[in-house]
Amino acid sequence: MKIVAAQDFRLDRNVDYGTNEQNESVRQIVSTVRNEGDSAVLRYTAEHDRVVLTPEKLRVTKEEMMAAYDKVDQAFVSHIREAANNIRRFHEKQKRNSWMDFEPDGSLLGQIIRPLDRVGVYVPGGKAAYPSSVLMNVIPAQVAGVEEIVMVTPPATSGGEGINPYILVAAAEAGVSEMYRVGGAQAVAALAYGTESIRKVDKICGPGNIYVALAKREVFGAVDIDSIAGPSEIVVLADETARAEYVAADLLSQAEHDEMASAILVTTSKLLAEEVQTEVEKQLKQLPREKIARTSIDHHGSIIVVNSVLEGIEVVNKLAPEHLEVMVQEPMSYVSYIRHAGAIFLGPYSSEPVGDYFAGPNHIIPTNGTARYASPVDVDDFTKKSSLIYYSKEAFLANGEAIIGLARHEGLEGHARAIEVRLKQEKQN
């Protein structure tokens, strides 16, 4: 990792939105699934996943989900249950209620909060199978009150119909009862527009490869989506009290995600910078995903030396990272200065994986600097709001002329007359 001064640091955040060929391929898949339904889904599954299915085989049965428990480490079941409980407890605190206010003139204004009817959750399969993401998508939707949550995940390739058993167990523990063995852009299109077997949803969430991301972007508007996620990011803000081996390990925890991930240390200590530089190289050689992590560190990793913690926070706020670890003396005293970060981890024992898997807050967090305006996935992402307006006669008579004036100022005579006709009627009475 290179050591640089704050003024010399630049982070390359060119998000890959796919090649022209990939974009055109996704548009074709989405359009075909929209027009042809199940037959297109099955054809693309055979072509891309090399799995031949019938419409009857698309849906995963309850028996398959239960059978998966015999194929996983039983310690995993215990751990996923504990994590699910923590996640559910955290998200329960995010629930909001509808409200109504009565005005002195008899009018009523309010807001009704309702859950979405039906949500689709995309879960990657194969090497990128992450059971924790099942919990992070499904549980907030359940807490919000979504009655129908449907999950899609690709079948095993090379002829197998099976699904990663750890994904199946996580889905069962989260309470998923509707699940289909389909992945890729065809799965996103099926969720967005519906097929004979898969009814359309109101929102699609969950991570995936570039084809899934492009498909989500393509169908946005027909349905809502969570986001188009960029590469994973971590910034560690540290002073001389931080342990180099902890910092290095946490930087690598994100670097191993993919070659585009960024891992950055911002520190007030030149000595710590040098120690972390050495420690990263040492730990890299012991990492199973060394090649991926090394590419990330070499191209998107940096150590930035600053003069003070507050100067370091200025750097952090400009970066607006997905994950921020604060490893300084008395970290709580600096929280109020941090304006832009998706998730903030305080102290030496709040390692980023604590949030990824177990603590309770959602690990689906804004990337690519979007923490300037975006938030982690939460219960609100699975609700919608309706304004409630009951205008009393007294309020209407008192404010009618003002409404007419504003409407005519904007050249909308029909708006003005809708109010005027009522005022005239009241005057005649």
Protein backbone atom coordinates (compact mmCIF):
# COMPACT_ATOMS: atom_id res chain seq x y z
CA MET A 1 0.00 0.00 0.00
CA LYS A 2 1.30 3.43 -0.87
CA ILE A 3 1.54 6.16 1.78
CA VAL A 4 0.37 9.60 0.64
CA ALA A 5 -0.45 12.99 2.09
CA ALA A 6 -4.12 13.99 2.18
CA GLN A 7 -3.71 16.64 -0.52
CA ASP A 8 -2.16 14.13 -2.91
CA PHE A 9 -4.83 11.42 -2.57
CA ARG A 10 -7.34 10.66 -5.32
CA LEU A 11 -9.75 7.73 -5.29
CA ASP A 12 -10.79 6.33 -8.65
CA ARG A 13 -14.51 5.62 -8.41
CA ASN A 14 -15.36 4.85 -12.01
CA VAL A 15 -18.25 2.43 -11.57
CA ASP A 16 -18.48 -0.25 -14.24
CA TYR A 17 -21.92 -0.06 -15.82
CA GLY A 18 -21.08 -2.79 -18.28
CA THR A 19 -19.88 -2.92 -21.85
CA ASN A 20 -22.15 -2.09 -24.77
CA GLU A 21 -22.43 -5.81 -25.45
CA GLN A 22 -23.45 -6.56 -21.85
CA ASN A 23 -26.03 -3.78 -21.82
CA GLU A 24 -27.51 -4.93 -25.12
CA SER A 25 -27.56 -8.55 -23.95
CA VAL A 26 -29.44 -7.57 -20.78
CA ARG A 27 -31.95 -5.44 -22.69
CA GLN A 28 -32.62 -8.39 -24.99
CA ILE A 29 -33.08 -10.81 -22.09
CA VAL A 30 -35.42 -8.48 -20.23
CA SER A 31 -37.51 -7.79 -23.32
CA THR A 32 -37.76 -11.46 -24.23
CA VAL A 33 -38.77 -12.56 -20.73
CA ARG A 34 -41.33 -9.78 -20.60
CA ASN A 35 -42.89 -10.99 -23.86
CA GLU A 36 -42.45 -14.76 -23.59
CA GLY A 37 -42.59 -15.48 -19.85
CA ASP A 38 -41.61 -18.93 -18.55
CA SER A 39 -40.36 -20.22 -21.89
CA ALA A 40 -37.75 -17.46 -22.07
CA VAL A 41 -36.75 -17.96 -18.43
CA LEU A 42 -36.22 -21.68 -19.02
CA ARG A 43 -34.34 -21.10 -22.28
CA TYR A 44 -31.94 -18.59 -20.72
CA THR A 45 -31.44 -20.85 -17.69
CA ALA A 46 -30.41 -23.69 -20.00
CA GLU A 47 -28.15 -21.36 -21.99
CA HIS A 48 -26.41 -19.52 -19.15
CA ASP A 49 -26.60 -21.93 -16.21
CA ARG A 50 -26.54 -25.12 -18.30
CA VAL A 51 -29.52 -26.44 -16.32
CA VAL A 52 -32.59 -27.77 -18.13
CA LEU A 53 -35.79 -27.20 -16.14
CA THR A 54 -39.51 -27.55 -16.67
CA PRO A 55 -41.99 -24.94 -15.40
CA GLU A 56 -42.92 -27.34 -12.60
CA LYS A 57 -39.29 -27.47 -11.48
CA LEU A 58 -38.85 -23.69 -11.18
CA ARG A 59 -40.29 -23.46 -7.69
CA VAL A 60 -38.24 -24.75 -4.77
CA THR A 61 -40.31 -27.00 -2.54
CA LYS A 62 -40.56 -26.85 1.22
CA GLU A 63 -39.18 -30.39 1.32
CA GLU A 64 -36.02 -29.26 -0.47
CA MET A 65 -35.53 -26.46 2.01
CA MET A 66 -35.96 -28.78 4.97
CA ALA A 67 -33.63 -31.39 3.45
CA ALA A 68 -30.88 -28.75 3.28
CA TYR A 69 -30.55 -28.85 7.08
CA ASP A 70 -28.94 -32.29 6.78
CA LYS A 71 -26.32 -30.93 4.38
CA VAL A 72 -24.93 -28.04 6.45
CA ASP A 73 -22.75 -27.73 9.50
CA GLN A 74 -25.10 -27.66 12.50
CA ALA A 75 -23.04 -24.88 14.07
CA PHE A 76 -24.01 -22.77 11.06
CA VAL A 77 -27.70 -23.26 11.89
CA SER A 78 -27.13 -22.03 15.43
CA HIS A 79 -25.10 -19.04 14.24
CA ILE A 80 -27.57 -18.01 11.54
CA ARG A 81 -30.41 -18.14 14.09
CA GLU A 82 -28.53 -15.89 16.49
CA ALA A 83 -27.73 -13.47 13.69
CA ALA A 84 -31.37 -13.47 12.53
CA ASN A 85 -32.56 -12.64 16.04
CA ASN A 86 -30.10 -9.74 16.30
CA ILE A 87 -31.05 -8.39 12.88
CA ARG A 88 -34.76 -8.64 13.62
CA ARG A 89 -34.42 -6.93 17.00
CA PHE A 90 -32.46 -4.03 15.47
CA HIS A 91 -34.91 -3.51 12.62
CA GLU A 92 -37.95 -3.70 14.89
CA LYS A 93 -36.76 -0.40 16.39
CA GLN A 94 -37.01 1.28 12.97
CA LYS A 95 -40.76 0.82 12.57
CA ARG A 96 -42.77 4.00 12.18
CA ASN A 97 -46.46 4.64 12.64
CA SER A 98 -49.01 6.48 10.57
CA TRP A 99 -50.09 9.80 12.05
CA MET A 100 -52.91 12.34 11.84
CA ASP A 101 -53.15 15.91 13.13
CA PHE A 102 -56.45 17.75 13.64
CA GLU A 103 -56.27 21.48 12.94
CA PRO A 104 -58.30 24.06 14.95
CA ASP A 105 -60.44 24.76 11.86
CA GLY A 106 -61.56 21.11 11.68
CA SER A 107 -59.17 20.02 8.94
CA LEU A 108 -57.18 16.83 9.22
CA LEU A 109 -53.73 16.27 7.79
CA GLY A 110 -51.70 13.11 8.12
CA GLN A 111 -49.57 10.38 6.66
CA ILE A 112 -50.42 6.71 6.19
CA ILE A 113 -47.53 4.26 6.16
CA ARG A 114 -48.18 0.92 4.51
CA PRO A 115 -45.91 -2.00 3.63
CA LEU A 116 -45.32 -2.97 0.02
CA ASP A 117 -47.48 -5.89 -1.08
CA ARG A 118 -44.83 -8.08 -2.71
CA VAL A 119 -41.02 -7.93 -2.72
CA GLY A 120 -38.48 -9.95 -4.71
CA VAL A 121 -35.10 -10.84 -3.20
CA TYR A 122 -32.24 -11.84 -5.48
CA VAL A 123 -29.62 -14.10 -3.89
CA PRO A 124 -26.44 -15.00 -5.81
CA GLY A 125 -25.41 -18.64 -6.06
CA GLY A 126 -22.17 -20.51 -6.69
CA LYS A 127 -18.97 -18.99 -5.32
CA ALA A 128 -20.74 -15.75 -4.41
CA ALA A 129 -23.37 -17.41 -2.22
CA TYR A 130 -23.85 -15.28 0.86
CA PRO A 131 -26.47 -16.59 3.32
CA SER A 132 -26.11 -13.44 5.42
CA SER A 133 -27.56 -11.38 2.55
CA VAL A 134 -30.73 -13.48 2.72
CA LEU A 135 -31.29 -12.26 6.27
CA MET A 136 -30.39 -8.66 5.51
CA ASN A 137 -32.95 -8.42 2.70
CA VAL A 138 -35.76 -10.59 4.00
CA ILE A 139 -35.96 -9.58 7.66
CA PRO A 140 -36.44 -5.80 7.20
CA ALA A 141 -39.18 -6.54 4.67
CA GLN A 142 -40.88 -8.85 7.15
CA VAL A 143 -40.61 -6.30 9.95
CA ALA A 144 -42.12 -3.69 7.62
CA GLY A 145 -45.12 -5.97 7.19
CA VAL A 146 -44.59 -7.16 3.60
CA GLU A 147 -46.90 -10.15 3.25
CA GLU A 148 -45.34 -11.73 0.14
CA ILE A 149 -41.56 -12.11 -0.09
CA VAL A 150 -40.31 -14.17 -3.02
CA MET A 151 -36.69 -15.24 -3.40
CA VAL A 152 -34.83 -16.16 -6.58
CA THR A 153 -31.41 -17.79 -6.77
CA PRO A 154 -29.65 -19.62 -9.61
CA PRO A 155 -29.55 -23.39 -9.75
CA ALA A 156 -26.26 -25.26 -9.63
CA THR A 157 -24.53 -25.23 -13.01
CA SER A 158 -23.51 -28.17 -15.21
CA GLY A 159 -26.82 -29.98 -15.08
CA GLY A 160 -27.65 -29.84 -11.38
CA GLU A 161 -30.96 -28.49 -10.13
CA GLY A 162 -29.79 -28.12 -6.57
CA ILE A 163 -29.27 -24.86 -4.71
CA ASN A 164 -26.55 -24.08 -2.20
CA PRO A 165 -27.85 -25.72 1.01
CA TYR A 166 -26.61 -22.84 3.18
CA ILE A 167 -28.75 -20.46 1.13
CA LEU A 168 -31.74 -22.76 1.58
CA VAL A 169 -31.25 -22.96 5.35
CA ALA A 170 -30.87 -19.18 5.64
CA ALA A 171 -34.06 -18.73 3.63
CA ALA A 172 -35.92 -21.21 5.83
CA GLU A 173 -34.67 -19.53 9.01
CA ALA A 174 -35.74 -16.14 7.65
CA GLY A 175 -39.21 -17.49 6.92
CA VAL A 176 -39.14 -17.49 3.11
CA SER A 177 -41.92 -19.69 1.74
CA GLU A 178 -41.82 -18.79 -1.97
CA MET A 179 -38.56 -19.44 -3.81
CA TYR A 180 -37.52 -20.09 -7.43
CA ARG A 181 -34.36 -21.62 -8.93
CA VAL A 182 -33.62 -18.94 -11.48
CA GLY A 183 -30.85 -16.36 -11.63
CA GLY A 184 -29.28 -13.72 -13.82
CA ALA A 185 -31.04 -11.01 -15.80
CA GLN A 186 -33.88 -13.43 -16.57
CA ALA A 187 -34.71 -13.70 -12.87
CA VAL A 188 -34.84 -9.92 -12.48
CA ALA A 189 -37.08 -9.61 -15.56
CA ALA A 190 -39.40 -12.33 -14.26
CA LEU A 191 -39.76 -10.54 -10.93
CA ALA A 192 -40.35 -7.18 -12.61
CA TYR A 193 -42.91 -8.21 -15.21
CA GLY A 194 -44.17 -11.60 -14.08
CA THR A 195 -44.41 -14.93 -15.90
CA GLU A 196 -46.83 -17.84 -15.80
CA SER A 197 -44.99 -19.22 -12.75
CA ILE A 198 -43.57 -16.11 -11.04
CA ARG A 199 -45.91 -13.24 -10.20
CA LYS A 200 -44.49 -9.75 -10.52
CA VAL A 201 -43.31 -7.83 -7.48
CA ASP A 202 -43.28 -4.20 -6.38
CA LYS A 203 -39.58 -4.03 -5.50
CA ILE A 204 -36.42 -6.02 -6.22
CA CYS A 205 -33.49 -6.05 -3.83
CA GLY A 206 -30.33 -8.05 -3.33
CA PRO A 207 -26.81 -8.23 -4.81
CA GLY A 208 -25.70 -9.88 -8.04
CA ASN A 209 -23.17 -9.81 -10.86
CA ILE A 210 -22.95 -7.16 -13.57
CA TYR A 211 -25.83 -8.73 -15.53
CA VAL A 212 -28.09 -8.64 -12.48
CA ALA A 213 -27.12 -5.04 -11.75
CA LEU A 214 -27.78 -3.96 -15.34
CA ALA A 215 -31.11 -5.80 -15.35
CA LYS A 216 -32.18 -4.04 -12.15
CA ARG A 217 -31.34 -0.72 -13.76
CA GLU A 218 -33.27 -1.73 -16.88
CA VAL A 219 -36.50 -2.58 -15.02
CA PHE A 220 -36.38 0.36 -12.59
CA GLY A 221 -39.61 2.28 -12.99
CA ALA A 222 -41.68 -0.81 -13.64
CA VAL A 223 -40.60 -1.78 -10.12
CA ASP A 224 -38.52 -0.16 -7.42
CA ILE A 225 -35.00 -1.43 -6.75
CA ASP A 226 -32.71 -1.10 -3.77
CA SER A 227 -29.65 0.33 -5.55
CA ILE A 228 -26.97 -0.32 -8.13
CA ALA A 229 -24.16 -1.21 -5.78
CA GLY A 230 -20.58 -0.33 -6.54
CA PRO A 231 -17.46 -2.09 -5.24
CA SER A 232 -17.08 -2.55 -1.48
CA GLU A 233 -15.25 0.16 0.48
CA ILE A 234 -13.64 0.50 3.87
CA VAL A 235 -11.89 3.46 5.48
CA VAL A 236 -10.12 3.01 8.80
CA LEU A 237 -9.51 6.22 10.77
CA ALA A 238 -6.76 5.50 13.29
CA ASP A 239 -4.33 7.20 15.64
CA GLU A 240 -1.23 5.89 17.39
CA THR A 241 -3.34 3.78 19.79
CA ALA A 242 -4.51 1.43 17.02
CA ARG A 243 -2.94 -2.00 16.52
CA ALA A 244 -1.42 -2.44 13.07
CA GLU A 245 -2.46 -6.09 12.76
CA TYR A 246 -6.10 -5.20 13.48
CA VAL A 247 -6.09 -2.39 10.92
CA ALA A 248 -4.43 -4.53 8.25
CA ALA A 249 -6.84 -7.41 8.80
CA ASP A 250 -9.85 -5.12 8.50
CA LEU A 251 -8.54 -3.49 5.32
CA LEU A 252 -8.08 -6.93 3.78
CA SER A 253 -11.56 -8.01 4.88
CA GLN A 254 -12.92 -5.70 2.19
CA ALA A 255 -10.10 -6.01 -0.32
CA GLU A 256 -10.86 -9.71 -0.69
CA HIS A 257 -14.38 -8.95 -2.01
CA ASP A 258 -13.23 -8.05 -5.50
CA GLU A 259 -10.45 -6.38 -7.45
CA MET A 260 -12.32 -3.04 -7.53
CA ALA A 261 -12.83 -2.84 -3.74
CA SER A 262 -11.08 0.04 -1.98
CA ALA A 263 -9.34 -0.21 1.39
CA ILE A 264 -7.97 3.02 2.85
CA LEU A 265 -6.26 3.89 6.11
CA VAL A 266 -6.40 7.50 7.32
CA THR A 267 -4.02 7.99 10.23
CA THR A 268 -2.32 10.62 12.33
CA SER A 269 0.63 8.30 12.95
CA LYS A 270 3.43 7.88 10.40
CA LEU A 271 4.71 4.94 12.47
CA LEU A 272 1.32 3.19 12.30
CA ALA A 273 1.21 3.86 8.56
CA GLU A 274 4.50 2.06 8.07
CA GLU A 275 3.53 -0.81 10.38
CA VAL A 276 0.23 -1.32 8.57
CA GLN A 277 2.02 -1.23 5.23
CA THR A 278 4.23 -4.09 6.40
CA GLU A 279 1.41 -5.98 8.07
CA VAL A 280 -0.83 -5.85 5.00
CA GLU A 281 1.90 -7.47 2.92
CA LYS A 282 2.44 -10.13 5.58
CA GLN A 283 -1.28 -10.96 5.90
CA LEU A 284 -1.88 -10.90 2.15
CA LYS A 285 0.39 -13.92 1.71
CA GLN A 286 -1.79 -15.89 4.14
CA LEU A 287 -5.12 -14.99 2.52
CA PRO A 288 -6.90 -17.64 0.39
CA ARG A 289 -8.16 -14.89 -1.93
CA GLU A 290 -4.72 -13.31 -2.15
CA LYS A 291 -4.86 -12.57 -5.87
CA ILE A 292 -8.13 -10.64 -5.62
CA ALA A 293 -7.10 -8.78 -2.46
CA ARG A 294 -3.68 -7.91 -3.85
CA THR A 295 -5.18 -6.38 -6.99
CA SER A 296 -7.56 -4.35 -4.83
CA ILE A 297 -4.78 -3.15 -2.52
CA ASP A 298 -2.40 -2.33 -5.38
CA HIS A 299 -4.92 -0.37 -7.42
CA HIS A 300 -7.39 1.01 -4.89
CA GLY A 301 -5.64 0.86 -1.53
CA SER A 302 -3.90 3.78 0.15
CA ILE A 303 -2.61 5.03 3.46
CA ILE A 304 -3.23 8.74 4.05
CA VAL A 305 -1.26 10.54 6.74
CA VAL A 306 -2.97 13.56 8.34
CA ASN A 307 -2.03 16.00 11.08
CA SER A 308 -5.01 15.40 13.38
CA VAL A 309 -8.07 13.21 13.83
CA LEU A 310 -10.30 16.12 12.82
CA GLU A 311 -8.33 16.55 9.61
CA GLY A 312 -8.77 12.83 9.07
CA ILE A 313 -12.53 13.21 9.49
CA GLU A 314 -12.50 15.88 6.77
CA VAL A 315 -10.97 13.28 4.46
CA VAL A 316 -13.57 10.73 5.58
CA ASN A 317 -16.46 13.09 4.90
CA LYS A 318 -15.16 13.73 1.38
CA LEU A 319 -14.83 10.00 0.72
CA ALA A 320 -18.27 9.17 2.23
CA PRO A 321 -17.28 5.51 2.58
CA GLU A 322 -19.51 2.49 2.78
CA HIS A 323 -17.78 1.28 5.97
CA LEU A 324 -15.88 3.50 8.40
CA GLU A 325 -13.92 2.11 11.32
CA VAL A 326 -12.82 4.60 13.97
CA MET A 327 -9.83 3.22 15.89
CA VAL A 328 -8.79 6.22 17.94
CA GLN A 329 -8.64 7.07 21.60
CA GLU A 330 -12.17 7.93 22.80
CA PRO A 331 -13.88 7.31 19.42
CA MET A 332 -17.32 8.35 20.69
CA SER A 333 -16.10 11.92 21.08
CA TYR A 334 -15.72 12.21 17.30
CA VAL A 335 -19.05 10.76 16.14
CA SER A 336 -20.75 14.15 15.85
CA TYR A 337 -18.13 15.29 13.33
CA ILE A 338 -18.74 12.36 10.96
CA ARG A 339 -21.37 13.41 8.42
CA HIS A 340 -20.94 10.95 5.57
CA ALA A 341 -20.47 7.22 6.16
CA GLY A 342 -22.79 4.30 5.54
CA ALA A 343 -21.91 2.42 8.73
CA ILE A 344 -19.63 3.60 11.53
CA PHE A 345 -17.72 1.05 13.61
CA LEU A 346 -16.28 2.42 16.86
CA GLY A 347 -13.32 0.99 18.75
CA PRO A 348 -10.89 -1.90 18.25
CA TYR A 349 -13.45 -4.69 18.69
CA SER A 350 -16.04 -3.32 16.24
CA SER A 351 -14.43 -4.95 13.23
CA GLU A 352 -16.41 -4.56 10.01
CA PRO A 353 -17.42 -8.27 9.85
CA VAL A 354 -19.24 -7.75 13.16
CA GLY A 355 -21.70 -5.64 11.19
CA ASP A 356 -21.61 -7.86 8.11
CA TYR A 357 -22.88 -10.88 9.96
CA PHE A 358 -24.05 -10.52 13.50
CA ALA A 359 -24.56 -7.22 15.33
CA GLY A 360 -27.95 -6.39 13.82
CA PRO A 361 -27.62 -3.29 11.58
CA ASN A 362 -28.04 -3.97 7.89
CA HIS A 363 -24.94 -4.76 5.84
CA ILE A 364 -26.45 -3.46 2.60
CA ILE A 365 -24.89 -0.02 2.70
CA PRO A 366 -24.46 2.77 0.12
CA THR A 367 -21.25 2.57 -1.91
CA ASN A 368 -19.32 4.75 -4.33
CA GLY A 369 -19.62 7.88 -2.19
CA THR A 370 -23.42 7.75 -2.16
CA ALA A 371 -23.41 7.80 1.64
CA ARG A 372 -23.52 11.58 1.09
CA TYR A 373 -27.24 11.17 0.46
CA ALA A 374 -28.17 7.49 0.83
CA SER A 375 -28.65 5.17 3.80
CA PRO A 376 -28.32 1.48 4.64
CA VAL A 377 -31.28 -0.73 3.81
CA ASP A 378 -33.89 -0.52 6.55
CA VAL A 379 -37.58 -1.02 7.24
CA ASP A 380 -38.51 2.21 5.41
CA ASP A 381 -37.23 0.68 2.16
CA PHE A 382 -40.15 -1.74 2.25
CA THR A 383 -42.91 0.76 3.01
CA LYS A 384 -44.65 3.52 1.13
CA LYS A 385 -46.45 6.59 2.36
CA SER A 386 -49.74 8.25 1.45
CA SER A 387 -50.64 11.79 2.42
CA LEU A 388 -54.03 12.22 4.10
CA ILE A 389 -55.99 15.45 3.57
CA TYR A 390 -59.43 16.27 4.92
CA TYR A 391 -60.17 19.98 4.40
CA SER A 392 -63.00 21.41 6.45
CA LYS A 393 -65.50 23.91 5.04
CA GLU A 394 -64.04 26.58 7.30
CA ALA A 395 -60.52 26.00 5.99
CA PHE A 396 -61.75 25.90 2.39
CA LEU A 397 -63.56 29.23 2.66
CA ALA A 398 -60.60 30.82 4.42
CA ASN A 399 -58.00 29.69 1.89
CA GLY A 400 -59.90 29.27 -1.39
CA GLU A 401 -58.92 32.63 -2.87
CA ALA A 402 -55.23 32.00 -2.14
CA ILE A 403 -55.41 28.64 -3.91
CA ILE A 404 -57.10 30.25 -6.92
CA GLY A 405 -54.45 32.93 -7.06
CA LEU A 406 -51.61 30.42 -7.05
CA ALA A 407 -53.27 28.28 -9.73
CA ARG A 408 -53.84 31.24 -12.07
CA HIS A 409 -50.28 32.43 -11.50
CA GLU A 410 -49.15 29.10 -12.94
CA GLY A 411 -51.59 29.32 -15.84
CA LEU A 412 -53.74 26.41 -14.71
CA GLU A 413 -57.25 27.76 -15.09
CA GLY A 414 -58.86 24.36 -14.58
CA HIS A 415 -57.25 24.16 -11.14
CA ALA A 416 -58.53 27.61 -10.28
CA ARG A 417 -62.06 26.86 -11.44
CA ALA A 418 -62.21 23.63 -9.41
CA ILE A 419 -61.91 25.83 -6.33
CA GLU A 420 -63.93 28.75 -7.69
CA VAL A 421 -67.01 26.65 -8.44
CA ARG A 422 -67.18 25.61 -4.81
CA LEU A 423 -66.70 29.14 -3.51
CA LYS A 424 -69.51 30.41 -5.72
CA GLN A 425 -71.81 27.65 -4.54
CA GLU A 426 -71.09 28.47 -0.91
CA LYS A 427 -71.72 32.17 -1.48
CA GLN A 428 -75.10 31.36 -3.07
CA ASN A 429 -76.02 29.35 -0.03
